[in-house]
Structure formats: C-alpha cells, structure tokens
C-alpha atoms as a PDB file:
ATOM      1  CA  MET A   1     -52.360  79.658  29.552  1.00  0.00           C
ATOM      2  CA  GLN A   2     -53.428  76.806  27.415  1.00  0.00           C
ATOM      3  CA  SER A   3     -50.755  77.691  24.958  1.00  0.00           C
ATOM      4  CA  ARG A   4     -48.071  77.654  27.682  1.00  0.00           C
ATOM      5  CA  LYS A   5     -49.264  74.342  29.101  1.00  0.00           C
ATOM      6  CA  HIS A   6     -49.105  72.831  25.645  1.00  0.00           C
ATOM      7  CA  THR A   7     -45.525  74.055  25.226  1.00  0.00           C
ATOM      8  CA  ARG A   8     -44.484  72.614  28.577  1.00  0.00           C
ATOM      9  CA  GLY A   9     -46.040  69.260  27.711  1.00  0.00           C
ATOM     10  CA  ARG A  10     -44.009  68.998  24.508  1.00  0.00           C
ATOM     11  CA  THR A  11     -40.859  70.087  26.273  1.00  0.00           C
ATOM     12  CA  ALA A  12     -41.269  67.528  29.037  1.00  0.00           C
ATOM     13  CA  ALA A  13     -41.992  64.677  26.656  1.00  0.00           C
ATOM     14  CA  SER A  14     -38.913  65.087  24.464  1.00  0.00           C
ATOM     15  CA  PRO A  15     -36.316  63.618  26.883  1.00  0.00           C
ATOM     16  CA  LEU A  16     -38.567  60.606  27.530  1.00  0.00           C
ATOM     17  CA  ARG A  17     -38.963  59.960  23.819  1.00  0.00           C
ATOM     18  CA  ARG A  18     -35.201  60.193  23.331  1.00  0.00           C
ATOM     19  CA  ILE A  19     -34.648  57.665  26.101  1.00  0.00           C
ATOM     20  CA  ARG A  20     -37.153  55.260  24.503  1.00  0.00           C
ATOM     21  CA  PHE A  21     -35.567  55.738  21.084  1.00  0.00           C
ATOM     22  CA  PHE A  22     -32.035  54.974  22.271  1.00  0.00           C
ATOM     23  CA  THR A  23     -33.276  52.066  24.381  1.00  0.00           C
ATOM     24  CA  ILE A  24     -34.955  50.462  21.348  1.00  0.00           C
ATOM     25  CA  LEU A  25     -31.941  51.240  19.194  1.00  0.00           C
ATOM     26  CA  GLY A  26     -29.677  49.634  21.782  1.00  0.00           C
ATOM     27  CA  LEU A  27     -31.717  46.453  21.572  1.00  0.00           C
ATOM     28  CA  LEU A  28     -31.991  46.364  17.782  1.00  0.00           C
ATOM     29  CA  ILE A  29     -28.279  46.729  17.054  1.00  0.00           C
ATOM     30  CA  PRO A  30     -27.166  43.554  18.944  1.00  0.00           C
ATOM     31  CA  LEU A  31     -30.094  41.610  17.482  1.00  0.00           C
ATOM     32  CA  SER A  32     -29.114  42.737  13.983  1.00  0.00           C
ATOM     33  CA  LEU A  33     -25.516  41.740  14.542  1.00  0.00           C
ATOM     34  CA  ILE A  34     -26.569  38.320  15.813  1.00  0.00           C
ATOM     35  CA  SER A  35     -28.821  37.826  12.772  1.00  0.00           C
ATOM     36  CA  VAL A  36     -26.012  38.769  10.396  1.00  0.00           C
ATOM     37  CA  LEU A  37     -23.628  36.390  12.185  1.00  0.00           C
ATOM     38  CA  ILE A  38     -26.119  33.515  11.990  1.00  0.00           C
ATOM     39  CA  TRP A  39     -26.692  34.181   8.271  1.00  0.00           C
ATOM     40  CA  ALA A  40     -22.943  34.306   7.589  1.00  0.00           C
ATOM     41  CA  MET A  41     -22.333  31.015   9.395  1.00  0.00           C
ATOM     42  CA  ALA A  42     -25.093  29.368   7.397  1.00  0.00           C
ATOM     43  CA  GLN A  43     -23.322  30.333   4.171  1.00  0.00           C
ATOM     44  CA  ILE A  44     -20.084  28.608   5.144  1.00  0.00           C
ATOM     45  CA  GLN A  45     -19.670  25.238   3.329  1.00  0.00           C
ATOM     46  CA  PRO A  46     -16.942  22.670   3.930  1.00  0.00           C
ATOM     47  CA  GLY A  47     -14.224  23.351   1.411  1.00  0.00           C
ATOM     48  CA  PRO A  48     -11.152  21.572   0.122  1.00  0.00           C
ATOM     49  CA  SER A  49      -7.878  21.596   1.947  1.00  0.00           C
ATOM     50  CA  PRO A  50      -5.136  23.955   0.706  1.00  0.00           C
ATOM     51  CA  SER A  51      -3.881  21.202  -1.565  1.00  0.00           C
ATOM     52  CA  GLY A  52      -7.219  21.129  -3.368  1.00  0.00           C
ATOM     53  CA  THR A  53      -8.207  17.733  -2.059  1.00  0.00           C
ATOM     54  CA  ALA A  54     -10.400  16.596   0.778  1.00  0.00           C
ATOM     55  CA  PRO A  55      -8.692  16.572   4.193  1.00  0.00           C
ATOM     56  CA  ALA A  56      -6.729  13.395   4.689  1.00  0.00           C
ATOM     57  CA  PHE A  57      -7.518  11.062   7.555  1.00  0.00           C
ATOM     58  CA  PRO A  58      -5.258   8.336   8.935  1.00  0.00           C
ATOM     59  CA  ARG A  59      -5.461   5.154   6.850  1.00  0.00           C
ATOM     60  CA  ASP A  60      -6.447   2.019   8.690  1.00  0.00           C
ATOM     61  CA  THR A  61      -3.824  -0.681   8.612  1.00  0.00           C
ATOM     62  CA  PRO A  62      -5.067  -3.316   6.166  1.00  0.00           C
ATOM     63  CA  SER A  63      -6.429  -6.463   7.735  1.00  0.00           C
ATOM     64  CA  LEU A  64      -5.046  -9.890   7.011  1.00  0.00           C
ATOM     65  CA  ILE A  65      -6.007 -10.909   3.492  1.00  0.00           C
ATOM     66  CA  LEU A  66      -6.176 -14.673   3.461  1.00  0.00           C
ATOM     67  CA  ALA A  67      -5.614 -16.566   0.250  1.00  0.00           C
ATOM     68  CA  GLY A  68      -8.974 -17.099  -1.372  1.00  0.00           C
ATOM     69  CA  GLU A  69     -10.738 -14.528   0.836  1.00  0.00           C
ATOM     70  CA  GLY A  70      -9.383 -11.191  -0.419  1.00  0.00           C
ATOM     71  CA  GLN A  71     -11.648  -8.654  -2.083  1.00  0.00           C
ATOM     72  CA  GLU A  72     -10.995  -7.651  -5.692  1.00  0.00           C
ATOM     73  CA  ALA A  73      -9.892  -4.189  -4.533  1.00  0.00           C
ATOM     74  CA  SER A  74      -7.100  -5.822  -2.479  1.00  0.00           C
ATOM     75  CA  TRP A  75      -5.931  -8.505  -4.871  1.00  0.00           C
ATOM     76  CA  GLN A  76      -2.385  -7.126  -4.811  1.00  0.00           C
ATOM     77  CA  LEU A  77      -2.130  -7.561  -1.031  1.00  0.00           C
ATOM     78  CA  ARG A  78      -2.991 -11.257  -0.997  1.00  0.00           C
ATOM     79  CA  LEU A  79      -0.813 -12.987   1.574  1.00  0.00           C
ATOM     80  CA  VAL A  80       0.647 -16.250   0.262  1.00  0.00           C
ATOM     81  CA  ASN A  81       2.887 -18.384   2.458  1.00  0.00           C
ATOM     82  CA  SER A  82       3.048 -21.808   4.114  1.00  0.00           C
ATOM     83  CA  THR A  83       0.120 -21.020   6.417  1.00  0.00           C
ATOM     84  CA  HIS A  84      -1.949 -19.210   3.778  1.00  0.00           C
ATOM     85  CA  PRO A  85      -1.797 -21.353   0.630  1.00  0.00           C
ATOM     86  CA  LEU A  86      -3.534 -20.480  -2.605  1.00  0.00           C
ATOM     87  CA  PRO A  87      -6.791 -22.285  -3.408  1.00  0.00           C
ATOM     88  CA  GLY A  88      -6.460 -25.378  -5.549  1.00  0.00           C
ATOM     89  CA  ASP A  89      -8.261 -23.765  -8.491  1.00  0.00           C
ATOM     90  CA  TRP A  90      -6.088 -20.636  -8.520  1.00  0.00           C
ATOM     91  CA  ASP A  91      -5.830 -19.479 -12.133  1.00  0.00           C
ATOM     92  CA  PRO A  92      -4.544 -15.896 -12.567  1.00  0.00           C
ATOM     93  CA  ASP A  93      -4.883 -13.929 -15.793  1.00  0.00           C
ATOM     94  CA  LEU A  94      -1.335 -13.867 -17.150  1.00  0.00           C
ATOM     95  CA  SER A  95       0.600 -11.959 -19.793  1.00  0.00           C
ATOM     96  CA  VAL A  96       4.065 -12.555 -21.196  1.00  0.00           C
ATOM     97  CA  ILE A  97       6.771 -10.314 -19.722  1.00  0.00           C
ATOM     98  CA  ASP A  98       9.315 -10.905 -22.458  1.00  0.00           C
ATOM     99  CA  PRO A  99       8.717 -13.093 -25.527  1.00  0.00           C
ATOM    100  CA  ILE A 100      12.381 -14.134 -25.484  1.00  0.00           C
ATOM    101  CA  THR A 101      12.279 -15.696 -22.000  1.00  0.00           C
ATOM    102  CA  GLY A 102       8.563 -16.529 -22.084  1.00  0.00           C
ATOM    103  CA  GLU A 103       8.180 -15.639 -18.395  1.00  0.00           C
ATOM    104  CA  LYS A 104       4.688 -14.518 -17.379  1.00  0.00           C
ATOM    105  CA  PHE A 105       3.189 -12.143 -14.801  1.00  0.00           C
ATOM    106  CA  ASP A 106      -0.258 -11.132 -13.547  1.00  0.00           C
ATOM    107  CA  SER A 107      -1.814  -9.023 -16.315  1.00  0.00           C
ATOM    108  CA  ARG A 108      -3.110  -6.422 -13.838  1.00  0.00           C
ATOM    109  CA  ALA A 109       0.408  -5.609 -12.618  1.00  0.00           C
ATOM    110  CA  LEU A 110       2.467  -6.244 -15.743  1.00  0.00           C
ATOM    111  CA  GLU A 111       2.626  -2.579 -16.786  1.00  0.00           C
ATOM    112  CA  TYR A 112       4.261  -1.680 -13.444  1.00  0.00           C
ATOM    113  CA  LEU A 113       6.846  -4.421 -13.795  1.00  0.00           C
ATOM    114  CA  ARG A 114       7.663  -3.327 -17.339  1.00  0.00           C
ATOM    115  CA  ALA A 115       7.923   0.317 -16.286  1.00  0.00           C
ATOM    116  CA  MET A 116      10.382  -0.641 -13.543  1.00  0.00           C
ATOM    117  CA  LEU A 117      12.523  -2.725 -15.891  1.00  0.00           C
ATOM    118  CA  ASP A 118      12.481   0.032 -18.529  1.00  0.00           C
ATOM    119  CA  ALA A 119      13.623   2.587 -15.941  1.00  0.00           C
ATOM    120  CA  MET A 120      16.534   0.334 -15.013  1.00  0.00           C
ATOM    121  CA  GLU A 121      17.579  -0.105 -18.623  1.00  0.00           C
ATOM    122  CA  ARG A 122      17.525   3.673 -19.154  1.00  0.00           C
ATOM    123  CA  GLU A 123      20.060   3.842 -16.310  1.00  0.00           C
ATOM    124  CA  GLY A 124      22.316   1.443 -18.211  1.00  0.00           C
ATOM    125  CA  LEU A 125      21.462  -1.575 -16.046  1.00  0.00           C
ATOM    126  CA  GLN A 126      20.716  -5.098 -17.271  1.00  0.00           C
ATOM    127  CA  PRO A 127      17.819  -6.596 -15.259  1.00  0.00           C
ATOM    128  CA  LEU A 128      16.580 -10.055 -16.130  1.00  0.00           C
ATOM    129  CA  VAL A 129      13.397 -11.704 -14.876  1.00  0.00           C
ATOM    130  CA  CYS A 130      14.577 -15.272 -14.542  1.00  0.00           C
ATOM    131  CA  SER A 131      11.349 -16.512 -12.960  1.00  0.00           C
ATOM    132  CA  GLY A 132       7.816 -15.141 -12.955  1.00  0.00           C
ATOM    133  CA  TYR A 133       4.651 -17.213 -12.705  1.00  0.00           C
ATOM    134  CA  ARG A 134       5.007 -20.886 -11.835  1.00  0.00           C
ATOM    135  CA  SER A 135       2.269 -23.451 -12.064  1.00  0.00           C
ATOM    136  CA  TYR A 136       1.473 -25.812  -9.198  1.00  0.00           C
ATOM    137  CA  GLU A 137       3.099 -28.660 -11.129  1.00  0.00           C
ATOM    138  CA  SER A 138       6.307 -26.682 -11.649  1.00  0.00           C
ATOM    139  CA  GLN A 139       6.464 -25.879  -7.968  1.00  0.00           C
ATOM    140  CA  VAL A 140       6.082 -29.574  -7.105  1.00  0.00           C
ATOM    141  CA  ALA A 141       9.077 -30.429  -9.281  1.00  0.00           C
ATOM    142  CA  ILE A 142      11.280 -27.621  -7.921  1.00  0.00           C
ATOM    143  CA  PHE A 143      10.411 -28.365  -4.313  1.00  0.00           C
ATOM    144  CA  GLN A 144      11.078 -32.080  -4.735  1.00  0.00           C
ATOM    145  CA  GLN A 145      14.425 -31.349  -6.348  1.00  0.00           C
ATOM    146  CA  ASN A 146      15.467 -29.328  -3.294  1.00  0.00           C
ATOM    147  CA  VAL A 147      14.250 -32.084  -0.978  1.00  0.00           C
ATOM    148  CA  GLU A 148      16.365 -34.637  -2.809  1.00  0.00           C
ATOM    149  CA  THR A 149      19.416 -32.387  -2.589  1.00  0.00           C
ATOM    150  CA  ALA A 150      18.955 -32.132   1.175  1.00  0.00           C
ATOM    151  CA  LEU A 151      18.515 -35.919   1.461  1.00  0.00           C
ATOM    152  CA  CYS A 152      21.840 -36.385  -0.297  1.00  0.00           C
ATOM    153  CA  GLN A 153      23.406 -34.155   2.349  1.00  0.00           C
ATOM    154  CA  GLY A 154      22.311 -36.581   5.084  1.00  0.00           C
ATOM    155  CA  TYR A 155      19.052 -35.021   6.281  1.00  0.00           C
ATOM    156  CA  THR A 156      16.037 -37.153   7.139  1.00  0.00           C
ATOM    157  CA  GLN A 157      12.907 -36.812   4.992  1.00  0.00           C
ATOM    158  CA  GLU A 158      11.284 -34.435   7.465  1.00  0.00           C
ATOM    159  CA  GLU A 159      14.455 -32.392   7.870  1.00  0.00           C
ATOM    160  CA  ALA A 160      14.983 -32.323   4.115  1.00  0.00           C
ATOM    161  CA  GLU A 161      11.510 -30.878   3.567  1.00  0.00           C
ATOM    162  CA  GLU A 162      12.156 -28.246   6.225  1.00  0.00           C
ATOM    163  CA  GLN A 163      15.449 -27.288   4.594  1.00  0.00           C
ATOM    164  CA  ALA A 164      13.878 -27.176   1.150  1.00  0.00           C
ATOM    165  CA  ALA A 165      11.086 -24.882   2.409  1.00  0.00           C
ATOM    166  CA  LEU A 166      13.686 -22.304   3.479  1.00  0.00           C
ATOM    167  CA  TRP A 167      14.468 -21.705  -0.189  1.00  0.00           C
ATOM    168  CA  VAL A 168      11.471 -22.983  -2.112  1.00  0.00           C
ATOM    169  CA  MET A 169       7.927 -22.765  -0.809  1.00  0.00           C
ATOM    170  CA  PRO A 170       5.876 -25.985  -0.825  1.00  0.00           C
ATOM    171  CA  PRO A 171       3.445 -26.367  -3.743  1.00  0.00           C
ATOM    172  CA  GLY A 172       0.427 -24.102  -3.333  1.00  0.00           C
ATOM    173  CA  CYS A 173       2.318 -21.784  -0.981  1.00  0.00           C
ATOM    174  CA  SER A 174       4.574 -20.049  -3.480  1.00  0.00           C
ATOM    175  CA  GLU A 175       4.104 -16.421  -4.443  1.00  0.00           C
ATOM    176  CA  HIS A 176       5.278 -17.353  -7.916  1.00  0.00           C
ATOM    177  CA  GLN A 177       2.089 -19.334  -8.319  1.00  0.00           C
ATOM    178  CA  SER A 178       0.121 -16.157  -7.528  1.00  0.00           C
ATOM    179  CA  GLY A 179       1.577 -14.461 -10.595  1.00  0.00           C
ATOM    180  CA  LEU A 180       2.601 -11.424  -8.522  1.00  0.00           C
ATOM    181  CA  ALA A 181       6.230 -12.372  -7.798  1.00  0.00           C
ATOM    182  CA  ALA A 182       9.328 -12.081  -9.946  1.00  0.00           C
ATOM    183  CA  ASP A 183      12.915 -13.155  -9.445  1.00  0.00           C
ATOM    184  CA  ILE A 184      14.964 -10.314 -10.939  1.00  0.00           C
ATOM    185  CA  VAL A 185      18.711 -10.754 -11.364  1.00  0.00           C
ATOM    186  CA  SER A 186      21.563  -9.068 -13.146  1.00  0.00           C
ATOM    187  CA  ALA A 187      22.110 -10.387 -16.654  1.00  0.00           C
ATOM    188  CA  GLU A 188      25.804 -10.505 -15.759  1.00  0.00           C
ATOM    189  CA  ASN A 189      25.202 -12.512 -12.589  1.00  0.00           C
ATOM    190  CA  GLN A 190      22.285 -14.899 -12.784  1.00  0.00           C
ATOM    191  CA  ASN A 191      23.137 -16.839  -9.630  1.00  0.00           C
ATOM    192  CA  LEU A 192      20.327 -16.995  -7.083  1.00  0.00           C
ATOM    193  CA  ASP A 193      22.508 -16.400  -4.066  1.00  0.00           C
ATOM    194  CA  GLU A 194      23.614 -13.530  -1.847  1.00  0.00           C
ATOM    195  CA  THR A 195      26.105 -12.294  -4.461  1.00  0.00           C
ATOM    196  CA  GLN A 196      23.057 -10.707  -6.117  1.00  0.00           C
ATOM    197  CA  GLU A 197      23.041  -8.182  -3.308  1.00  0.00           C
ATOM    198  CA  ASP A 198      26.292  -6.693  -4.616  1.00  0.00           C
ATOM    199  CA  THR A 199      25.071  -6.091  -8.167  1.00  0.00           C
ATOM    200  CA  PRO A 200      24.116  -2.570  -9.338  1.00  0.00           C
ATOM    201  CA  GLU A 201      20.750  -3.973 -10.411  1.00  0.00           C
ATOM    202  CA  GLN A 202      19.869  -4.992  -6.864  1.00  0.00           C
ATOM    203  CA  ALA A 203      21.164  -1.718  -5.450  1.00  0.00           C
ATOM    204  CA  TRP A 204      18.784   0.132  -7.779  1.00  0.00           C
ATOM    205  CA  LEU A 205      15.851  -2.165  -7.020  1.00  0.00           C
ATOM    206  CA  HIS A 206      16.288  -1.919  -3.260  1.00  0.00           C
ATOM    207  CA  ALA A 207      16.214   1.883  -3.571  1.00  0.00           C
ATOM    208  CA  HIS A 208      13.428   2.301  -6.149  1.00  0.00           C
ATOM    209  CA  CYS A 209      11.213  -0.798  -6.357  1.00  0.00           C
ATOM    210  CA  GLN A 210       8.534   0.769  -4.104  1.00  0.00           C
ATOM    211  CA  GLU A 211       8.045   3.578  -6.635  1.00  0.00           C
ATOM    212  CA  TYR A 212       6.554   0.969  -8.956  1.00  0.00           C
ATOM    213  CA  GLY A 213       4.546  -0.906  -6.326  1.00  0.00           C
ATOM    214  CA  PHE A 214       7.088  -3.651  -5.557  1.00  0.00           C
ATOM    215  CA  ILE A 215       8.740  -4.783  -2.338  1.00  0.00           C
ATOM    216  CA  LEU A 216      11.711  -6.952  -1.466  1.00  0.00           C
ATOM    217  CA  ARG A 217       9.599  -9.858  -0.290  1.00  0.00           C
ATOM    218  CA  TYR A 218      12.100 -11.770   1.852  1.00  0.00           C
ATOM    219  CA  PRO A 219      14.356  -9.287   3.703  1.00  0.00           C
ATOM    220  CA  GLN A 220      17.510 -10.371   5.482  1.00  0.00           C
ATOM    221  CA  ASP A 221      16.185 -10.005   9.029  1.00  0.00           C
ATOM    222  CA  LYS A 222      12.643 -11.374   8.575  1.00  0.00           C
ATOM    223  CA  THR A 223      13.189 -15.117   8.105  1.00  0.00           C
ATOM    224  CA  GLU A 224      11.403 -15.983  11.363  1.00  0.00           C
ATOM    225  CA  LEU A 225       8.298 -14.190  10.105  1.00  0.00           C
ATOM    226  CA  THR A 226       8.341 -15.128   6.424  1.00  0.00           C
ATOM    227  CA  GLY A 227       9.693 -18.648   6.852  1.00  0.00           C
ATOM    228  CA  VAL A 228      12.027 -18.035   3.910  1.00  0.00           C
ATOM    229  CA  ASN A 229      15.729 -17.189   3.892  1.00  0.00           C
ATOM    230  CA  TYR A 230      16.980 -13.852   2.592  1.00  0.00           C
ATOM    231  CA  GLU A 231      16.408 -13.548  -1.160  1.00  0.00           C
ATOM    232  CA  PRO A 232      17.753 -10.267  -2.538  1.00  0.00           C
ATOM    233  CA  TRP A 233      16.327 -11.115  -5.970  1.00  0.00           C
ATOM    234  CA  HIS A 234      12.677 -11.861  -5.083  1.00  0.00           C
ATOM    235  CA  TYR A 235      10.229  -8.975  -5.610  1.00  0.00           C
ATOM    236  CA  ARG A 236       6.502  -8.909  -5.045  1.00  0.00           C
ATOM    237  CA  TYR A 237       3.890  -6.497  -6.418  1.00  0.00           C
ATOM    238  CA  VAL A 238       1.641  -5.031  -3.684  1.00  0.00           C
ATOM    239  CA  GLY A 239       0.679  -1.625  -5.114  1.00  0.00           C
ATOM    240  CA  GLU A 240       2.511   1.680  -4.700  1.00  0.00           C
ATOM    241  CA  GLU A 241       0.946   2.873  -1.437  1.00  0.00           C
ATOM    242  CA  ALA A 242       1.559  -0.396   0.390  1.00  0.00           C
ATOM    243  CA  ALA A 243       5.028  -0.753  -1.137  1.00  0.00           C
ATOM    244  CA  ARG A 244       6.111   2.682   0.087  1.00  0.00           C
ATOM    245  CA  ASP A 245       4.791   1.926   3.580  1.00  0.00           C
ATOM    246  CA  ILE A 246       6.429  -1.497   3.775  1.00  0.00           C
ATOM    247  CA  MET A 247       9.818  -0.443   2.444  1.00  0.00           C
ATOM    248  CA  SER A 248      10.040   2.808   4.410  1.00  0.00           C
ATOM    249  CA  GLN A 249       9.172   1.049   7.677  1.00  0.00           C
ATOM    250  CA  GLY A 250      11.369  -1.989   7.076  1.00  0.00           C
ATOM    251  CA  LEU A 251       8.466  -4.442   7.222  1.00  0.00           C
ATOM    252  CA  CYS A 252       7.678  -7.719   5.536  1.00  0.00           C
ATOM    253  CA  LEU A 253       4.262  -8.502   4.074  1.00  0.00           C
ATOM    254  CA  GLU A 254       3.359 -10.693   7.053  1.00  0.00           C
ATOM    255  CA  GLU A 255       3.760  -7.701   9.375  1.00  0.00           C
ATOM    256  CA  TYR A 256       1.891  -5.315   7.108  1.00  0.00           C
ATOM    257  CA  ALA A 257      -1.027  -7.631   6.374  1.00  0.00           C
ATOM    258  CA  ALA A 258      -1.301  -8.945   9.929  1.00  0.00           C
ATOM    259  CA  PRO A 259       0.141  -6.350  12.358  1.00  0.00           C
ATOM    260  CA  PRO A 260       0.682  -7.521  15.965  1.00  0.00           C
ATOM    261  CA  GLY A 261      -1.816  -6.675  18.679  1.00  0.00           C
END
C-alpha cells in the first residue's frame, strides 16, 4: 500500500511540475529577448552618412558683416558700399597679380584669382586685370575726376556727386580699396562699358567665376540695391560656397549679407 501511494504521488505531481516549468520558461524567454534588444541598442553608435561625412544640416544665412566688424573667418564676405565704408586705417596684405601691370590683390585670395585667369588662358581667352587694389588717395582722384565730368555736363555739385557715385564709389566705400575686387576685361576690348558683356572673356566669367569664389558684383538688375550701375567687368572674391549661392540664386552681395525680413 505504501508503495502504491508513493507511485500515485509521483504520478500526480508530474503534470503540476510541467505546468510550473513551462510557466517559468514562458516568462524567461520574453525577458531574455528584451535584455538582448536593450544590449543591441546600447551598441549602436551614430555613424557617418552614406557619403562618409557627418549628416549635413541647413546652413544659416550669414548675417550682415559690417566693415570693420567682420570676424577673421568671414573676411571674404565683408560688405563694402556707400553705407558700409571701410575703416580709415584699412591696410590689407597685398600681393602683385602680374608684375607687368603691377596690379595688386588681397594675398589671401590671390591664388584663386590666378587660378581663374589661368583657366581662361588655357581656353584661349585673353583676360586682363585692369584694376585691382586702389588706395584711398587713388579713389579720391578717380571720384573727383568723375564729378568734374558731370559738372561739365551741366549738373549741380550735388547732382554731379550722385552721378559720379553710380560709376565710382566715394573714397572709403570702394571694394577696390578692400583688395578683394578686380576689374577684368578682354585684352582686345579694354573699354569699361557694356560692350564688355559681349566679349568671350565675360561670357566665360559669368558662367564660371563662382567656381573660383568670385561673383559679378554689380549685376544688371540690382542697381537699386547696390547703388552702382551694371558693371559686367567688376568681380569680387567672396569664397566658393558663398559665390555659388549668390550666382545660382541671382543675388547681389547686399541681399546675401543682409537678407530681408
């Protein structure tokens, strides 16, 4: 009898043990999966984008860089015009563009100007930098000459100065004084007038100047913003990124450096 009771006890206990076993197993499996998932997530580290670089974020539009207030990192975006003149002690580091002409340019941007001119010459073109850096004194003389020409045409002194400023910026307000501007013409047509627009040199520059960090500074439809008439020969160094943005969007530097709103 004792032996039979013992057998019945073992037989009755087996289903209960199986139930407990599967119940515990049912709890352990989800917990194990959760633990593995948590461990796997902890191993994930931010990686590079498919291009191998960090993900790009929208670039903030640069703020207005006033003459004399720009940071060194933004020297090429310095806005120079009649309302943002250069400081009186402005003295850029200059290098000679071409020893034959003696014209000079900002040393930090000279290599880009030379690369652009070299590319044009390889295409069989004949670019000529007829004016680079100008001192304050030179700008005084040029501006006064234009004022006198307007006076001879019957304008009053005030009107003559306004007319002169449409073609030559007043002293202290010229980009040429910054050392970052260059008047580039065709060697076969050195006239500073709208006939420059029809030269192959200007056609090339209008299409490719941004690749070297330059912009057409005074576009045809931006006189109200720049205060200067259309000059198809006047190019300004602003850096490649800014140049591509400005030229592709049809902007002038005033719009790019000080966007509306």
